[in-house]
Amino acid sequence: MARKRTSSAELKKRRDEGFDKLKKNRSGVKFEENRKKNTGNTKTATSTVSSKTKQGKKRTPAQLAAAKRLAAKKAGTYKAPMTAKEKAKKRLKIKK
């Protein structure tokens, strides 16, 4: 709802002027510069996986294997295990 004696267009104009005042040249602000530098992938893939969870508890062997598999997927070095069908084909090739 508009204020008395002020149209909605005038209110919008005032609001836009207020926002324009907030917009400043932010090229000298340090965190803005850092954000521009770090636009790429910030996470680096590591070959080793922590043996403890985020809570500090020890991981089980299954959890370690899963964590390693996920780390390999993120790094792009993961090779999917053979399916049962592929294993059967391989066995048949060996027998011939």
PDB file of N, CA and C in Angstrom:
ATOM      1  N   MET A   1       0.824  -1.172   0.000  1.00  0.00           N
ATOM      2  CA  MET A   1       0.000   0.000   0.000  1.00  0.00           C
ATOM      3  C   MET A   1       0.875   1.245   0.000  1.00  0.00           C
ATOM      4  N   ALA A   2       0.525   2.219  -0.784  1.00  0.00           N
ATOM      5  CA  ALA A   2       1.311   3.435  -0.909  1.00  0.00           C
ATOM      6  C   ALA A   2       1.025   4.385   0.246  1.00  0.00           C
ATOM      7  N   ARG A   3       2.008   5.202   0.533  1.00  0.00           N
ATOM      8  CA  ARG A   3       1.825   6.220   1.563  1.00  0.00           C
ATOM      9  C   ARG A   3       0.960   7.351   1.021  1.00  0.00           C
ATOM     10  N   LYS A   4       0.493   8.182   1.906  1.00  0.00           N
ATOM     11  CA  LYS A   4      -0.316   9.322   1.481  1.00  0.00           C
ATOM     12  C   LYS A   4       0.533  10.258   0.619  1.00  0.00           C
ATOM     13  N   ARG A   5      -0.073  10.717  -0.446  1.00  0.00           N
ATOM     14  CA  ARG A   5       0.536  11.687  -1.360  1.00  0.00           C
ATOM     15  C   ARG A   5       1.797  11.173  -2.061  1.00  0.00           C
ATOM     16  N   THR A   6       2.007   9.889  -2.063  1.00  0.00           N
ATOM     17  CA  THR A   6       3.175   9.333  -2.733  1.00  0.00           C
ATOM     18  C   THR A   6       2.723   8.138  -3.562  1.00  0.00           C
ATOM     19  N   SER A   7       3.006   8.182  -4.832  1.00  0.00           N
ATOM     20  CA  SER A   7       2.621   7.062  -5.687  1.00  0.00           C
ATOM     21  C   SER A   7       3.608   5.918  -5.508  1.00  0.00           C
ATOM     22  N   SER A   8       3.181   4.762  -5.918  1.00  0.00           N
ATOM     23  CA  SER A   8       4.055   3.601  -5.799  1.00  0.00           C
ATOM     24  C   SER A   8       5.290   3.755  -6.684  1.00  0.00           C
ATOM     25  N   ALA A   9       5.158   4.449  -7.802  1.00  0.00           N
ATOM     26  CA  ALA A   9       6.300   4.675  -8.692  1.00  0.00           C
ATOM     27  C   ALA A   9       7.355   5.538  -7.994  1.00  0.00           C
ATOM     28  N   GLU A  10       6.891   6.547  -7.249  1.00  0.00           N
ATOM     29  CA  GLU A  10       7.830   7.402  -6.518  1.00  0.00           C
ATOM     30  C   GLU A  10       8.519   6.629  -5.406  1.00  0.00           C
ATOM     31  N   LEU A  11       7.759   5.777  -4.737  1.00  0.00           N
ATOM     32  CA  LEU A  11       8.362   4.956  -3.677  1.00  0.00           C
ATOM     33  C   LEU A  11       9.419   4.029  -4.247  1.00  0.00           C
ATOM     34  N   LYS A  12       9.101   3.440  -5.398  1.00  0.00           N
ATOM     35  CA  LYS A  12      10.067   2.540  -6.035  1.00  0.00           C
ATOM     36  C   LYS A  12      11.327   3.308  -6.427  1.00  0.00           C
ATOM     37  N   LYS A  13      11.146   4.517  -6.939  1.00  0.00           N
ATOM     38  CA  LYS A  13      12.283   5.338  -7.337  1.00  0.00           C
ATOM     39  C   LYS A  13      13.167   5.639  -6.133  1.00  0.00           C
ATOM     40  N   ARG A  14      12.554   5.994  -5.003  1.00  0.00           N
ATOM     41  CA  ARG A  14      13.316   6.277  -3.779  1.00  0.00           C
ATOM     42  C   ARG A  14      14.060   5.034  -3.297  1.00  0.00           C
ATOM     43  N   ARG A  15      13.377   3.900  -3.363  1.00  0.00           N
ATOM     44  CA  ARG A  15      14.001   2.659  -2.917  1.00  0.00           C
ATOM     45  C   ARG A  15      15.207   2.323  -3.794  1.00  0.00           C
ATOM     46  N   ASP A  16      15.056   2.497  -5.097  1.00  0.00           N
ATOM     47  CA  ASP A  16      16.165   2.229  -6.015  1.00  0.00           C
ATOM     48  C   ASP A  16      17.339   3.171  -5.764  1.00  0.00           C
ATOM     49  N   GLU A  17      17.034   4.424  -5.458  1.00  0.00           N
ATOM     50  CA  GLU A  17      18.099   5.379  -5.155  1.00  0.00           C
ATOM     51  C   GLU A  17      18.847   4.957  -3.895  1.00  0.00           C
ATOM     52  N   GLY A  18      18.107   4.447  -2.919  1.00  0.00           N
ATOM     53  CA  GLY A  18      18.739   3.967  -1.689  1.00  0.00           C
ATOM     54  C   GLY A  18      19.667   2.797  -1.949  1.00  0.00           C
ATOM     55  N   PHE A  19      19.235   1.885  -2.828  1.00  0.00           N
ATOM     56  CA  PHE A  19      20.084   0.746  -3.158  1.00  0.00           C
ATOM     57  C   PHE A  19      21.309   1.179  -3.947  1.00  0.00           C
ATOM     58  N   ASP A  20      21.129   2.188  -4.793  1.00  0.00           N
ATOM     59  CA  ASP A  20      22.268   2.681  -5.567  1.00  0.00           C
ATOM     60  C   ASP A  20      23.339   3.272  -4.652  1.00  0.00           C
ATOM     61  N   LYS A  21      22.899   3.886  -3.561  1.00  0.00           N
ATOM     62  CA  LYS A  21      23.862   4.439  -2.606  1.00  0.00           C
ATOM     63  C   LYS A  21      24.649   3.326  -1.922  1.00  0.00           C
ATOM     64  N   LEU A  22      23.994   2.169  -1.731  1.00  0.00           N
ATOM     65  CA  LEU A  22      24.671   1.052  -1.085  1.00  0.00           C
ATOM     66  C   LEU A  22      25.707   0.404  -1.999  1.00  0.00           C
ATOM     67  N   LYS A  23      25.438   0.464  -3.300  1.00  0.00           N
ATOM     68  CA  LYS A  23      26.377  -0.132  -4.246  1.00  0.00           C
ATOM     69  C   LYS A  23      27.610   0.752  -4.328  1.00  0.00           C
ATOM     70  N   LYS A  24      28.729   0.183  -3.982  1.00  0.00           N
ATOM     71  CA  LYS A  24      29.989   0.924  -4.029  1.00  0.00           C
ATOM     72  C   LYS A  24      30.989   0.139  -4.855  1.00  0.00           C
ATOM     73  N   ASN A  25      32.091   0.756  -5.142  1.00  0.00           N
ATOM     74  CA  ASN A  25      33.165   0.066  -5.828  1.00  0.00           C
ATOM     75  C   ASN A  25      33.832  -0.861  -4.815  1.00  0.00           C
ATOM     76  N   ARG A  26      33.621  -2.168  -4.954  1.00  0.00           N
ATOM     77  CA  ARG A  26      34.094  -3.126  -3.966  1.00  0.00           C
ATOM     78  C   ARG A  26      35.355  -3.850  -4.425  1.00  0.00           C
ATOM     79  N   SER A  27      36.047  -3.297  -5.399  1.00  0.00           N
ATOM     80  CA  SER A  27      37.233  -3.978  -5.918  1.00  0.00           C
ATOM     81  C   SER A  27      38.377  -3.981  -4.906  1.00  0.00           C
ATOM     82  N   GLY A  28      38.397  -3.025  -3.975  1.00  0.00           N
ATOM     83  CA  GLY A  28      39.483  -2.956  -3.009  1.00  0.00           C
ATOM     84  C   GLY A  28      39.231  -3.770  -1.755  1.00  0.00           C
ATOM     85  N   VAL A  29      38.058  -4.363  -1.620  1.00  0.00           N
ATOM     86  CA  VAL A  29      37.747  -5.133  -0.419  1.00  0.00           C
ATOM     87  C   VAL A  29      38.437  -6.478  -0.512  1.00  0.00           C
ATOM     88  N   LYS A  30      39.151  -6.850   0.550  1.00  0.00           N
ATOM     89  CA  LYS A  30      40.009  -8.021   0.510  1.00  0.00           C
ATOM     90  C   LYS A  30      39.245  -9.320   0.256  1.00  0.00           C
ATOM     91  N   PHE A  31      38.114  -9.524   0.966  1.00  0.00           N
ATOM     92  CA  PHE A  31      37.417 -10.793   0.784  1.00  0.00           C
ATOM     93  C   PHE A  31      36.832 -10.901  -0.621  1.00  0.00           C
ATOM     94  N   GLU A  32      36.496  -9.769  -1.246  1.00  0.00           N
ATOM     95  CA  GLU A  32      36.016  -9.802  -2.625  1.00  0.00           C
ATOM     96  C   GLU A  32      37.135 -10.239  -3.568  1.00  0.00           C
ATOM     97  N   GLU A  33      38.353  -9.760  -3.313  1.00  0.00           N
ATOM     98  CA  GLU A  33      39.495 -10.153  -4.148  1.00  0.00           C
ATOM     99  C   GLU A  33      39.776 -11.642  -3.989  1.00  0.00           C
ATOM    100  N   ASN A  34      39.722 -12.125  -2.759  1.00  0.00           N
ATOM    101  CA  ASN A  34      39.972 -13.543  -2.519  1.00  0.00           C
ATOM    102  C   ASN A  34      38.907 -14.407  -3.176  1.00  0.00           C
ATOM    103  N   ARG A  35      37.681 -13.938  -3.167  1.00  0.00           N
ATOM    104  CA  ARG A  35      36.600 -14.699  -3.791  1.00  0.00           C
ATOM    105  C   ARG A  35      36.837 -14.817  -5.288  1.00  0.00           C
ATOM    106  N   LYS A  36      37.337 -13.745  -5.905  1.00  0.00           N
ATOM    107  CA  LYS A  36      37.609 -13.780  -7.339  1.00  0.00           C
ATOM    108  C   LYS A  36      38.750 -14.746  -7.655  1.00  0.00           C
ATOM    109  N   LYS A  37      39.762 -14.803  -6.774  1.00  0.00           N
ATOM    110  CA  LYS A  37      40.904 -15.693  -6.997  1.00  0.00           C
ATOM    111  C   LYS A  37      40.503 -17.148  -6.840  1.00  0.00           C
ATOM    112  N   ASN A  38      39.622 -17.441  -5.906  1.00  0.00           N
ATOM    113  CA  ASN A  38      39.260 -18.819  -5.586  1.00  0.00           C
ATOM    114  C   ASN A  38      37.980 -19.256  -6.265  1.00  0.00           C
ATOM    115  N   THR A  39      37.802 -18.895  -7.506  1.00  0.00           N
ATOM    116  CA  THR A  39      36.584 -19.280  -8.208  1.00  0.00           C
ATOM    117  C   THR A  39      36.621 -20.731  -8.636  1.00  0.00           C
ATOM    118  N   GLY A  40      37.803 -21.335  -8.728  1.00  0.00           N
ATOM    119  CA  GLY A  40      37.919 -22.721  -9.157  1.00  0.00           C
ATOM    120  C   GLY A  40      37.556 -23.686  -8.047  1.00  0.00           C
ATOM    121  N   ASN A  41      37.974 -24.922  -8.205  1.00  0.00           N
ATOM    122  CA  ASN A  41      37.698 -25.963  -7.221  1.00  0.00           C
ATOM    123  C   ASN A  41      38.544 -25.712  -5.982  1.00  0.00           C
ATOM    124  N   THR A  42      37.895 -25.482  -4.857  1.00  0.00           N
ATOM    125  CA  THR A  42      38.628 -25.173  -3.632  1.00  0.00           C
ATOM    126  C   THR A  42      39.051 -26.438  -2.889  1.00  0.00           C
ATOM    127  N   LYS A  43      38.351 -27.541  -3.128  1.00  0.00           N
ATOM    128  CA  LYS A  43      38.691 -28.782  -2.446  1.00  0.00           C
ATOM    129  C   LYS A  43      39.746 -29.531  -3.251  1.00  0.00           C
ATOM    130  N   THR A  44      40.735 -30.042  -2.557  1.00  0.00           N
ATOM    131  CA  THR A  44      41.748 -30.825  -3.237  1.00  0.00           C
ATOM    132  C   THR A  44      41.572 -32.279  -2.839  1.00  0.00           C
ATOM    133  N   ALA A  45      41.734 -33.150  -3.791  1.00  0.00           N
ATOM    134  CA  ALA A  45      41.574 -34.569  -3.523  1.00  0.00           C
ATOM    135  C   ALA A  45      42.838 -35.106  -2.859  1.00  0.00           C
ATOM    136  N   THR A  46      42.646 -35.846  -1.800  1.00  0.00           N
ATOM    137  CA  THR A  46      43.778 -36.437  -1.113  1.00  0.00           C
ATOM    138  C   THR A  46      43.712 -37.944  -1.255  1.00  0.00           C
ATOM    139  N   SER A  47      44.859 -38.576  -1.311  1.00  0.00           N
ATOM    140  CA  SER A  47      44.879 -40.018  -1.469  1.00  0.00           C
ATOM    141  C   SER A  47      44.629 -40.726  -0.143  1.00  0.00           C
ATOM    142  N   THR A  48      44.910 -40.063   0.964  1.00  0.00           N
ATOM    143  CA  THR A  48      44.679 -40.683   2.260  1.00  0.00           C
ATOM    144  C   THR A  48      43.377 -40.170   2.847  1.00  0.00           C
ATOM    145  N   VAL A  49      42.701 -41.048   3.556  1.00  0.00           N
ATOM    146  CA  VAL A  49      41.434 -40.718   4.184  1.00  0.00           C
ATOM    147  C   VAL A  49      41.626 -40.839   5.685  1.00  0.00           C
ATOM    148  N   SER A  50      41.038 -39.934   6.423  1.00  0.00           N
ATOM    149  CA  SER A  50      41.153 -39.946   7.874  1.00  0.00           C
ATOM    150  C   SER A  50      40.557 -41.233   8.444  1.00  0.00           C
ATOM    151  N   SER A  51      41.197 -41.776   9.474  1.00  0.00           N
ATOM    152  CA  SER A  51      40.694 -42.997  10.096  1.00  0.00           C
ATOM    153  C   SER A  51      39.695 -42.687  11.194  1.00  0.00           C
ATOM    154  N   LYS A  52      39.378 -41.407  11.343  1.00  0.00           N
ATOM    155  CA  LYS A  52      38.405 -41.013  12.354  1.00  0.00           C
ATOM    156  C   LYS A  52      37.267 -40.248  11.700  1.00  0.00           C
ATOM    157  N   THR A  53      36.092 -40.324  12.302  1.00  0.00           N
ATOM    158  CA  THR A  53      34.931 -39.611  11.799  1.00  0.00           C
ATOM    159  C   THR A  53      35.008 -38.153  12.217  1.00  0.00           C
ATOM    160  N   LYS A  54      34.045 -37.362  11.794  1.00  0.00           N
ATOM    161  CA  LYS A  54      34.008 -35.952  12.173  1.00  0.00           C
ATOM    162  C   LYS A  54      33.846 -35.800  13.678  1.00  0.00           C
ATOM    163  N   GLN A  55      33.215 -36.780  14.295  1.00  0.00           N
ATOM    164  CA  GLN A  55      33.007 -36.740  15.746  1.00  0.00           C
ATOM    165  C   GLN A  55      34.230 -37.201  16.520  1.00  0.00           C
ATOM    166  N   GLY A  56      35.238 -37.709  15.828  1.00  0.00           N
ATOM    167  CA  GLY A  56      36.459 -38.149  16.481  1.00  0.00           C
ATOM    168  C   GLY A  56      36.472 -39.636  16.803  1.00  0.00           C
ATOM    169  N   LYS A  57      35.432 -40.351  16.424  1.00  0.00           N
ATOM    170  CA  LYS A  57      35.377 -41.798  16.676  1.00  0.00           C
ATOM    171  C   LYS A  57      36.147 -42.532  15.593  1.00  0.00           C
ATOM    172  N   LYS A  58      36.628 -43.730  15.925  1.00  0.00           N
ATOM    173  CA  LYS A  58      37.368 -44.538  14.966  1.00  0.00           C
ATOM    174  C   LYS A  58      36.424 -45.120  13.924  1.00  0.00           C
ATOM    175  N   ARG A  59      36.837 -45.126  12.677  1.00  0.00           N
ATOM    176  CA  ARG A  59      36.013 -45.676  11.607  1.00  0.00           C
ATOM    177  C   ARG A  59      36.180 -47.185  11.523  1.00  0.00           C
ATOM    178  N   THR A  60      35.102 -47.863  11.148  1.00  0.00           N
ATOM    179  CA  THR A  60      35.154 -49.306  10.935  1.00  0.00           C
ATOM    180  C   THR A  60      35.811 -49.557   9.572  1.00  0.00           C
ATOM    181  N   PRO A  61      36.267 -50.774   9.323  1.00  0.00           N
ATOM    182  CA  PRO A  61      36.872 -51.067   8.016  1.00  0.00           C
ATOM    183  C   PRO A  61      35.934 -50.772   6.840  1.00  0.00           C
ATOM    184  N   ALA A  62      34.651 -51.046   7.015  1.00  0.00           N
ATOM    185  CA  ALA A  62      33.695 -50.768   5.943  1.00  0.00           C
ATOM    186  C   ALA A  62      33.572 -49.262   5.720  1.00  0.00           C
ATOM    187  N   GLN A  63      33.574 -48.501   6.799  1.00  0.00           N
ATOM    188  CA  GLN A  63      33.490 -47.049   6.663  1.00  0.00           C
ATOM    189  C   GLN A  63      34.741 -46.493   5.982  1.00  0.00           C
ATOM    190  N   LEU A  64      35.911 -47.057   6.323  1.00  0.00           N
ATOM    191  CA  LEU A  64      37.152 -46.620   5.678  1.00  0.00           C
ATOM    192  C   LEU A  64      37.120 -46.896   4.173  1.00  0.00           C
ATOM    193  N   ALA A  65      36.632 -48.099   3.812  1.00  0.00           N
ATOM    194  CA  ALA A  65      36.561 -48.449   2.394  1.00  0.00           C
ATOM    195  C   ALA A  65      35.610 -47.511   1.652  1.00  0.00           C
ATOM    196  N   ALA A  66      34.482 -47.198   2.283  1.00  0.00           N
ATOM    197  CA  ALA A  66      33.517 -46.295   1.653  1.00  0.00           C
ATOM    198  C   ALA A  66      34.105 -44.889   1.514  1.00  0.00           C
ATOM    199  N   ALA A  67      34.814 -44.426   2.536  1.00  0.00           N
ATOM    200  CA  ALA A  67      35.415 -43.095   2.481  1.00  0.00           C
ATOM    201  C   ALA A  67      36.472 -43.025   1.382  1.00  0.00           C
ATOM    202  N   LYS A  68      37.257 -44.074   1.237  1.00  0.00           N
ATOM    203  CA  LYS A  68      38.271 -44.112   0.178  1.00  0.00           C
ATOM    204  C   LYS A  68      37.617 -44.114  -1.203  1.00  0.00           C
ATOM    205  N   ARG A  69      36.523 -44.883  -1.329  1.00  0.00           N
ATOM    206  CA  ARG A  69      35.811 -44.944  -2.599  1.00  0.00           C
ATOM    207  C   ARG A  69      35.243 -43.570  -2.965  1.00  0.00           C
ATOM    208  N   LEU A  70      34.651 -42.890  -1.990  1.00  0.00           N
ATOM    209  CA  LEU A  70      34.096 -41.556  -2.246  1.00  0.00           C
ATOM    210  C   LEU A  70      35.188 -40.547  -2.589  1.00  0.00           C
ATOM    211  N   ALA A  71      36.330 -40.646  -1.910  1.00  0.00           N
ATOM    212  CA  ALA A  71      37.448 -39.742  -2.207  1.00  0.00           C
ATOM    213  C   ALA A  71      37.960 -39.979  -3.625  1.00  0.00           C
ATOM    214  N   ALA A  72      38.003 -41.252  -4.043  1.00  0.00           N
ATOM    215  CA  ALA A  72      38.452 -41.570  -5.399  1.00  0.00           C
ATOM    216  C   ALA A  72      37.465 -41.045  -6.434  1.00  0.00           C
ATOM    217  N   LYS A  73      36.175 -41.117  -6.123  1.00  0.00           N
ATOM    218  CA  LYS A  73      35.168 -40.597  -7.050  1.00  0.00           C
ATOM    219  C   LYS A  73      35.325 -39.095  -7.206  1.00  0.00           C
ATOM    220  N   LYS A  74      35.565 -38.394  -6.103  1.00  0.00           N
ATOM    221  CA  LYS A  74      35.741 -36.947  -6.167  1.00  0.00           C
ATOM    222  C   LYS A  74      36.993 -36.584  -6.960  1.00  0.00           C
ATOM    223  N   ALA A  75      38.044 -37.395  -6.799  1.00  0.00           N
ATOM    224  CA  ALA A  75      39.298 -37.126  -7.496  1.00  0.00           C
ATOM    225  C   ALA A  75      39.237 -37.528  -8.957  1.00  0.00           C
ATOM    226  N   GLY A  76      38.254 -38.363  -9.312  1.00  0.00           N
ATOM    227  CA  GLY A  76      38.123 -38.811 -10.694  1.00  0.00           C
ATOM    228  C   GLY A  76      38.985 -40.013 -11.001  1.00  0.00           C
ATOM    229  N   THR A  77      39.496 -40.696  -9.984  1.00  0.00           N
ATOM    230  CA  THR A  77      40.351 -41.862 -10.199  1.00  0.00           C
ATOM    231  C   THR A  77      39.630 -43.161  -9.882  1.00  0.00           C
ATOM    232  N   TYR A  78      38.337 -43.108  -9.658  1.00  0.00           N
ATOM    233  CA  TYR A  78      37.576 -44.290  -9.249  1.00  0.00           C
ATOM    234  C   TYR A  78      37.291 -45.184 -10.445  1.00  0.00           C
ATOM    235  N   LYS A  79      37.537 -46.479 -10.258  1.00  0.00           N
ATOM    236  CA  LYS A  79      37.200 -47.455 -11.283  1.00  0.00           C
ATOM    237  C   LYS A  79      36.156 -48.390 -10.685  1.00  0.00           C
ATOM    238  N   ALA A  80      34.999 -48.452 -11.305  1.00  0.00           N
ATOM    239  CA  ALA A  80      33.900 -49.263 -10.784  1.00  0.00           C
ATOM    240  C   ALA A  80      34.281 -50.743 -10.814  1.00  0.00           C
ATOM    241  N   PRO A  81      33.880 -51.496  -9.794  1.00  0.00           N
ATOM    242  CA  PRO A  81      34.180 -52.928  -9.788  1.00  0.00           C
ATOM    243  C   PRO A  81      33.376 -53.657 -10.865  1.00  0.00           C
ATOM    244  N   MET A  82      33.868 -54.821 -11.230  1.00  0.00           N
ATOM    245  CA  MET A  82      33.210 -55.596 -12.275  1.00  0.00           C
ATOM    246  C   MET A  82      31.868 -56.122 -11.774  1.00  0.00           C
ATOM    247  N   THR A  83      30.888 -56.129 -12.669  1.00  0.00           N
ATOM    248  CA  THR A  83      29.580 -56.671 -12.324  1.00  0.00           C
ATOM    249  C   THR A  83      29.639 -58.194 -12.449  1.00  0.00           C
ATOM    250  N   ALA A  84      28.612 -58.859 -11.947  1.00  0.00           N
ATOM    251  CA  ALA A  84      28.555 -60.320 -12.022  1.00  0.00           C
ATOM    252  C   ALA A  84      28.561 -60.791 -13.477  1.00  0.00           C
ATOM    253  N   LYS A  85      27.890 -60.057 -14.335  1.00  0.00           N
ATOM    254  CA  LYS A  85      27.835 -60.410 -15.752  1.00  0.00           C
ATOM    255  C   LYS A  85      29.221 -60.332 -16.381  1.00  0.00           C
ATOM    256  N   GLU A  86      29.954 -59.276 -16.051  1.00  0.00           N
ATOM    257  CA  GLU A  86      31.308 -59.109 -16.595  1.00  0.00           C
ATOM    258  C   GLU A  86      32.239 -60.201 -16.081  1.00  0.00           C
ATOM    259  N   LYS A  87      32.105 -60.562 -14.807  1.00  0.00           N
ATOM    260  CA  LYS A  87      32.929 -61.638 -14.243  1.00  0.00           C
ATOM    261  C   LYS A  87      32.643 -62.964 -14.936  1.00  0.00           C
ATOM    262  N   ALA A  88      31.369 -63.242 -15.205  1.00  0.00           N
ATOM    263  CA  ALA A  88      30.999 -64.489 -15.884  1.00  0.00           C
ATOM    264  C   ALA A  88      31.577 -64.532 -17.287  1.00  0.00           C
ATOM    265  N   LYS A  89      31.518 -63.430 -18.015  1.00  0.00           N
ATOM    266  CA  LYS A  89      32.093 -63.379 -19.363  1.00  0.00           C
ATOM    267  C   LYS A  89      33.591 -63.619 -19.325  1.00  0.00           C
ATOM    268  N   LYS A  90      34.252 -63.053 -18.315  1.00  0.00           N
ATOM    269  CA  LYS A  90      35.693 -63.223 -18.183  1.00  0.00           C
ATOM    270  C   LYS A  90      36.047 -64.686 -17.923  1.00  0.00           C
ATOM    271  N   ARG A  91      35.261 -65.352 -17.069  1.00  0.00           N
ATOM    272  CA  ARG A  91      35.497 -66.771 -16.777  1.00  0.00           C
ATOM    273  C   ARG A  91      35.307 -67.622 -18.025  1.00  0.00           C
ATOM    274  N   LEU A  92      34.305 -67.315 -18.821  1.00  0.00           N
ATOM    275  CA  LEU A  92      34.045 -68.070 -20.052  1.00  0.00           C
ATOM    276  C   LEU A  92      35.176 -67.883 -21.057  1.00  0.00           C
ATOM    277  N   LYS A  93      35.749 -66.671 -21.117  1.00  0.00           N
ATOM    278  CA  LYS A  93      36.866 -66.425 -22.009  1.00  0.00           C
ATOM    279  C   LYS A  93      38.074 -67.261 -21.610  1.00  0.00           C
ATOM    280  N   ILE A  94      38.317 -67.362 -20.279  1.00  0.00           N
ATOM    281  CA  ILE A  94      39.467 -68.112 -19.790  1.00  0.00           C
ATOM    282  C   ILE A  94      39.313 -69.603 -20.100  1.00  0.00           C
ATOM    283  N   LYS A  95      38.111 -70.128 -19.975  1.00  0.00           N
ATOM    284  CA  LYS A  95      37.866 -71.552 -20.206  1.00  0.00           C
ATOM    285  C   LYS A  95      38.088 -71.942 -21.660  1.00  0.00           C
ATOM    286  N   LYS A  96      37.821 -71.056 -22.587  1.00  0.00           N
ATOM    287  CA  LYS A  96      37.950 -71.375 -24.029  1.00  0.00           C
ATOM    288  C   LYS A  96      39.356 -71.440 -24.475  1.00  0.00           C
TER     289      LYS A  96
END
